[in-house]
Amino acid sequence: MTEDDQDHGGAGQRSAAQQEKWKAKGVALRAFFYIAGTHVFAAFVMLLFYLGEHAQK
């Protein structure tokens, strides 16, 4: 074992920590896209209501 393995808990724990950081980034990215997508959809629906309200009848 090297000093780096002893200081950081070994290769297995470093790998697990890296996987957890990667998963957290994935969750944050997915949440961002879901929130952004919901806002885009809401804006589209509002546009449809606006156009329907101002349509010539």
PDB file of N, CA and C in Angstrom:
ATOM      1  N   MET A   1       0.833  -1.181   0.000  1.00  0.00           N
ATOM      2  CA  MET A   1       0.000   0.000   0.000  1.00  0.00           C
ATOM      3  C   MET A   1       0.877   1.244   0.000  1.00  0.00           C
ATOM      4  N   THR A   2       0.511   2.194  -0.782  1.00  0.00           N
ATOM      5  CA  THR A   2       1.278   3.433  -0.832  1.00  0.00           C
ATOM      6  C   THR A   2       0.678   4.433   0.156  1.00  0.00           C
ATOM      7  N   GLU A   3       1.359   5.532   0.330  1.00  0.00           N
ATOM      8  CA  GLU A   3       0.856   6.565   1.233  1.00  0.00           C
ATOM      9  C   GLU A   3      -0.438   7.174   0.705  1.00  0.00           C
ATOM     10  N   ASP A   4      -0.569   7.261  -0.610  1.00  0.00           N
ATOM     11  CA  ASP A   4      -1.794   7.814  -1.186  1.00  0.00           C
ATOM     12  C   ASP A   4      -2.993   6.948  -0.862  1.00  0.00           C
ATOM     13  N   ASP A   5      -2.836   5.625  -0.921  1.00  0.00           N
ATOM     14  CA  ASP A   5      -3.934   4.725  -0.606  1.00  0.00           C
ATOM     15  C   ASP A   5      -4.341   4.850   0.859  1.00  0.00           C
ATOM     16  N   GLN A   6      -3.389   5.035   1.730  1.00  0.00           N
ATOM     17  CA  GLN A   6      -3.685   5.155   3.147  1.00  0.00           C
ATOM     18  C   GLN A   6      -4.349   6.492   3.447  1.00  0.00           C
ATOM     19  N   ASP A   7      -3.913   7.536   2.793  1.00  0.00           N
ATOM     20  CA  ASP A   7      -4.478   8.862   3.058  1.00  0.00           C
ATOM     21  C   ASP A   7      -5.897   9.001   2.528  1.00  0.00           C
ATOM     22  N   HIS A   8      -6.190   8.362   1.420  1.00  0.00           N
ATOM     23  CA  HIS A   8      -7.482   8.553   0.769  1.00  0.00           C
ATOM     24  C   HIS A   8      -8.415   7.364   0.938  1.00  0.00           C
ATOM     25  N   GLY A   9      -8.040   6.356   1.712  1.00  0.00           N
ATOM     26  CA  GLY A   9      -8.944   5.256   1.956  1.00  0.00           C
ATOM     27  C   GLY A   9      -8.855   4.137   0.952  1.00  0.00           C
ATOM     28  N   GLY A  10      -7.901   4.134   0.085  1.00  0.00           N
ATOM     29  CA  GLY A  10      -7.748   3.049  -0.873  1.00  0.00           C
ATOM     30  C   GLY A  10      -8.460   3.327  -2.176  1.00  0.00           C
ATOM     31  N   ALA A  11      -8.154   2.491  -3.151  1.00  0.00           N
ATOM     32  CA  ALA A  11      -8.698   2.688  -4.494  1.00  0.00           C
ATOM     33  C   ALA A  11     -10.199   2.452  -4.541  1.00  0.00           C
ATOM     34  N   GLY A  12     -10.698   1.503  -3.762  1.00  0.00           N
ATOM     35  CA  GLY A  12     -12.126   1.203  -3.777  1.00  0.00           C
ATOM     36  C   GLY A  12     -12.971   2.361  -3.293  1.00  0.00           C
ATOM     37  N   GLN A  13     -12.523   3.010  -2.242  1.00  0.00           N
ATOM     38  CA  GLN A  13     -13.290   4.135  -1.719  1.00  0.00           C
ATOM     39  C   GLN A  13     -13.189   5.352  -2.614  1.00  0.00           C
ATOM     40  N   ARG A  14     -12.042   5.551  -3.233  1.00  0.00           N
ATOM     41  CA  ARG A  14     -11.923   6.668  -4.174  1.00  0.00           C
ATOM     42  C   ARG A  14     -12.852   6.454  -5.355  1.00  0.00           C
ATOM     43  N   SER A  15     -12.926   5.234  -5.817  1.00  0.00           N
ATOM     44  CA  SER A  15     -13.797   4.932  -6.944  1.00  0.00           C
ATOM     45  C   SER A  15     -15.257   5.159  -6.570  1.00  0.00           C
ATOM     46  N   ALA A  16     -15.640   4.741  -5.369  1.00  0.00           N
ATOM     47  CA  ALA A  16     -17.017   4.927  -4.917  1.00  0.00           C
ATOM     48  C   ALA A  16     -17.334   6.419  -4.779  1.00  0.00           C
ATOM     49  N   ALA A  17     -16.387   7.190  -4.272  1.00  0.00           N
ATOM     50  CA  ALA A  17     -16.609   8.627  -4.127  1.00  0.00           C
ATOM     51  C   ALA A  17     -16.761   9.288  -5.487  1.00  0.00           C
ATOM     52  N   GLN A  18     -15.963   8.869  -6.456  1.00  0.00           N
ATOM     53  CA  GLN A  18     -16.073   9.425  -7.803  1.00  0.00           C
ATOM     54  C   GLN A  18     -17.412   9.058  -8.427  1.00  0.00           C
ATOM     55  N   GLN A  19     -17.876   7.831  -8.183  1.00  0.00           N
ATOM     56  CA  GLN A  19     -19.169   7.416  -8.734  1.00  0.00           C
ATOM     57  C   GLN A  19     -20.301   8.227  -8.119  1.00  0.00           C
ATOM     58  N   GLU A  20     -20.226   8.494  -6.830  1.00  0.00           N
ATOM     59  CA  GLU A  20     -21.263   9.288  -6.173  1.00  0.00           C
ATOM     60  C   GLU A  20     -21.296  10.713  -6.711  1.00  0.00           C
ATOM     61  N   LYS A  21     -20.124  11.305  -6.946  1.00  0.00           N
ATOM     62  CA  LYS A  21     -20.080  12.656  -7.527  1.00  0.00           C
ATOM     63  C   LYS A  21     -20.672  12.647  -8.921  1.00  0.00           C
ATOM     64  N   TRP A  22     -20.373  11.595  -9.692  1.00  0.00           N
ATOM     65  CA  TRP A  22     -20.883  11.498 -11.055  1.00  0.00           C
ATOM     66  C   TRP A  22     -22.397  11.336 -11.046  1.00  0.00           C
ATOM     67  N   LYS A  23     -22.909  10.528 -10.107  1.00  0.00           N
ATOM     68  CA  LYS A  23     -24.359  10.348  -9.995  1.00  0.00           C
ATOM     69  C   LYS A  23     -25.038  11.646  -9.585  1.00  0.00           C
ATOM     70  N   ALA A  24     -24.426  12.375  -8.668  1.00  0.00           N
ATOM     71  CA  ALA A  24     -25.010  13.648  -8.230  1.00  0.00           C
ATOM     72  C   ALA A  24     -25.059  14.649  -9.384  1.00  0.00           C
ATOM     73  N   LYS A  25     -24.023  14.681 -10.193  1.00  0.00           N
ATOM     74  CA  LYS A  25     -24.031  15.570 -11.361  1.00  0.00           C
ATOM     75  C   LYS A  25     -25.123  15.148 -12.338  1.00  0.00           C
ATOM     76  N   GLY A  26     -25.299  13.845 -12.509  1.00  0.00           N
ATOM     77  CA  GLY A  26     -26.341  13.346 -13.407  1.00  0.00           C
ATOM     78  C   GLY A  26     -27.731  13.732 -12.931  1.00  0.00           C
ATOM     79  N   VAL A  27     -27.966  13.631 -11.630  1.00  0.00           N
ATOM     80  CA  VAL A  27     -29.268  14.005 -11.074  1.00  0.00           C
ATOM     81  C   VAL A  27     -29.505  15.497 -11.257  1.00  0.00           C
ATOM     82  N   ALA A  28     -28.501  16.303 -10.995  1.00  0.00           N
ATOM     83  CA  ALA A  28     -28.645  17.753 -11.149  1.00  0.00           C
ATOM     84  C   ALA A  28     -28.909  18.122 -12.612  1.00  0.00           C
ATOM     85  N   LEU A  29     -28.202  17.472 -13.520  1.00  0.00           N
ATOM     86  CA  LEU A  29     -28.402  17.747 -14.943  1.00  0.00           C
ATOM     87  C   LEU A  29     -29.801  17.330 -15.392  1.00  0.00           C
ATOM     88  N   ARG A  30     -30.252  16.172 -14.938  1.00  0.00           N
ATOM     89  CA  ARG A  30     -31.593  15.693 -15.294  1.00  0.00           C
ATOM     90  C   ARG A  30     -32.656  16.635 -14.742  1.00  0.00           C
ATOM     91  N   ALA A  31     -32.488  17.084 -13.500  1.00  0.00           N
ATOM     92  CA  ALA A  31     -33.452  18.015 -12.903  1.00  0.00           C
ATOM     93  C   ALA A  31     -33.487  19.323 -13.688  1.00  0.00           C
ATOM     94  N   PHE A  32     -32.321  19.815 -14.096  1.00  0.00           N
ATOM     95  CA  PHE A  32     -32.276  21.048 -14.891  1.00  0.00           C
ATOM     96  C   PHE A  32     -33.063  20.884 -16.188  1.00  0.00           C
ATOM     97  N   PHE A  33     -32.860  19.759 -16.890  1.00  0.00           N
ATOM     98  CA  PHE A  33     -33.566  19.558 -18.151  1.00  0.00           C
ATOM     99  C   PHE A  33     -35.068  19.379 -17.946  1.00  0.00           C
ATOM    100  N   TYR A  34     -35.473  18.700 -16.880  1.00  0.00           N
ATOM    101  CA  TYR A  34     -36.900  18.556 -16.601  1.00  0.00           C
ATOM    102  C   TYR A  34     -37.529  19.909 -16.300  1.00  0.00           C
ATOM    103  N   ILE A  35     -36.855  20.721 -15.498  1.00  0.00           N
ATOM    104  CA  ILE A  35     -37.396  22.039 -15.155  1.00  0.00           C
ATOM    105  C   ILE A  35     -37.433  22.933 -16.385  1.00  0.00           C
ATOM    106  N   ALA A  36     -36.355  22.937 -17.159  1.00  0.00           N
ATOM    107  CA  ALA A  36     -36.314  23.765 -18.371  1.00  0.00           C
ATOM    108  C   ALA A  36     -37.369  23.290 -19.373  1.00  0.00           C
ATOM    109  N   GLY A  37     -37.510  21.992 -19.528  1.00  0.00           N
ATOM    110  CA  GLY A  37     -38.507  21.454 -20.454  1.00  0.00           C
ATOM    111  C   GLY A  37     -39.923  21.809 -20.036  1.00  0.00           C
ATOM    112  N   THR A  38     -40.189  21.772 -18.743  1.00  0.00           N
ATOM    113  CA  THR A  38     -41.515  22.142 -18.244  1.00  0.00           C
ATOM    114  C   THR A  38     -41.805  23.612 -18.530  1.00  0.00           C
ATOM    115  N   HIS A  39     -40.806  24.467 -18.364  1.00  0.00           N
ATOM    116  CA  HIS A  39     -41.006  25.886 -18.639  1.00  0.00           C
ATOM    117  C   HIS A  39     -41.224  26.147 -20.130  1.00  0.00           C
ATOM    118  N   VAL A  40     -40.520  25.433 -20.971  1.00  0.00           N
ATOM    119  CA  VAL A  40     -40.710  25.585 -22.417  1.00  0.00           C
ATOM    120  C   VAL A  40     -42.118  25.131 -22.802  1.00  0.00           C
ATOM    121  N   PHE A  41     -42.572  24.021 -22.254  1.00  0.00           N
ATOM    122  CA  PHE A  41     -43.921  23.532 -22.539  1.00  0.00           C
ATOM    123  C   PHE A  41     -44.967  24.526 -22.044  1.00  0.00           C
ATOM    124  N   ALA A  42     -44.773  25.075 -20.841  1.00  0.00           N
ATOM    125  CA  ALA A  42     -45.717  26.049 -20.293  1.00  0.00           C
ATOM    126  C   ALA A  42     -45.758  27.305 -21.166  1.00  0.00           C
ATOM    127  N   ALA A  43     -44.602  27.746 -21.648  1.00  0.00           N
ATOM    128  CA  ALA A  43     -44.562  28.919 -22.519  1.00  0.00           C
ATOM    129  C   ALA A  43     -45.300  28.642 -23.829  1.00  0.00           C
ATOM    130  N   PHE A  44     -45.168  27.436 -24.363  1.00  0.00           N
ATOM    131  CA  PHE A  44     -45.874  27.076 -25.588  1.00  0.00           C
ATOM    132  C   PHE A  44     -47.384  27.087 -25.374  1.00  0.00           C
ATOM    133  N   VAL A  45     -47.846  26.557 -24.262  1.00  0.00           N
ATOM    134  CA  VAL A  45     -49.280  26.555 -23.964  1.00  0.00           C
ATOM    135  C   VAL A  45     -49.783  27.984 -23.796  1.00  0.00           C
ATOM    136  N   MET A  46     -48.997  28.825 -23.103  1.00  0.00           N
ATOM    137  CA  MET A  46     -49.402  30.221 -22.942  1.00  0.00           C
ATOM    138  C   MET A  46     -49.468  30.928 -24.294  1.00  0.00           C
ATOM    139  N   LEU A  47     -48.543  30.609 -25.195  1.00  0.00           N
ATOM    140  CA  LEU A  47     -48.570  31.177 -26.534  1.00  0.00           C
ATOM    141  C   LEU A  47     -49.840  30.758 -27.269  1.00  0.00           C
ATOM    142  N   LEU A  48     -50.215  29.501 -27.126  1.00  0.00           N
ATOM    143  CA  LEU A  48     -51.447  29.041 -27.775  1.00  0.00           C
ATOM    144  C   LEU A  48     -52.666  29.793 -27.241  1.00  0.00           C
ATOM    145  N   PHE A  49     -52.734  29.998 -25.934  1.00  0.00           N
ATOM    146  CA  PHE A  49     -53.850  30.754 -25.368  1.00  0.00           C
ATOM    147  C   PHE A  49     -53.839  32.195 -25.864  1.00  0.00           C
ATOM    148  N   TYR A  50     -52.661  32.799 -25.941  1.00  0.00           N
ATOM    149  CA  TYR A  50     -52.559  34.175 -26.418  1.00  0.00           C
ATOM    150  C   TYR A  50     -53.023  34.260 -27.873  1.00  0.00           C
ATOM    151  N   LEU A  51     -52.556  33.359 -28.694  1.00  0.00           N
ATOM    152  CA  LEU A  51     -52.960  33.376 -30.111  1.00  0.00           C
ATOM    153  C   LEU A  51     -54.446  33.097 -30.275  1.00  0.00           C
ATOM    154  N   GLY A  52     -54.975  32.195 -29.458  1.00  0.00           N
ATOM    155  CA  GLY A  52     -56.413  31.906 -29.529  1.00  0.00           C
ATOM    156  C   GLY A  52     -57.255  33.095 -29.094  1.00  0.00           C
ATOM    157  N   GLU A  53     -56.779  33.838 -28.112  1.00  0.00           N
ATOM    158  CA  GLU A  53     -57.510  34.983 -27.621  1.00  0.00           C
ATOM    159  C   GLU A  53     -57.532  36.109 -28.655  1.00  0.00           C
ATOM    160  N   HIS A  54     -56.448  36.249 -29.425  1.00  0.00           N
ATOM    161  CA  HIS A  54     -56.350  37.340 -30.388  1.00  0.00           C
ATOM    162  C   HIS A  54     -56.666  36.909 -31.816  1.00  0.00           C
ATOM    163  N   ALA A  55     -57.171  35.724 -31.985  1.00  0.00           N
ATOM    164  CA  ALA A  55     -57.528  35.256 -33.332  1.00  0.00           C
ATOM    165  C   ALA A  55     -58.771  36.003 -33.820  1.00  0.00           C
ATOM    166  N   GLN A  56     -58.800  36.259 -35.095  1.00  0.00           N
ATOM    167  CA  GLN A  56     -59.972  36.904 -35.671  1.00  0.00           C
ATOM    168  C   GLN A  56     -61.061  35.850 -35.825  1.00  0.00           C
ATOM    169  N   LYS A  57     -62.234  36.216 -35.338  1.00  0.00           N
ATOM    170  CA  LYS A  57     -63.338  35.253 -35.343  1.00  0.00           C
ATOM    171  C   LYS A  57     -64.405  35.632 -36.326  1.00  0.00           C
TER     172      LYS A  57
END
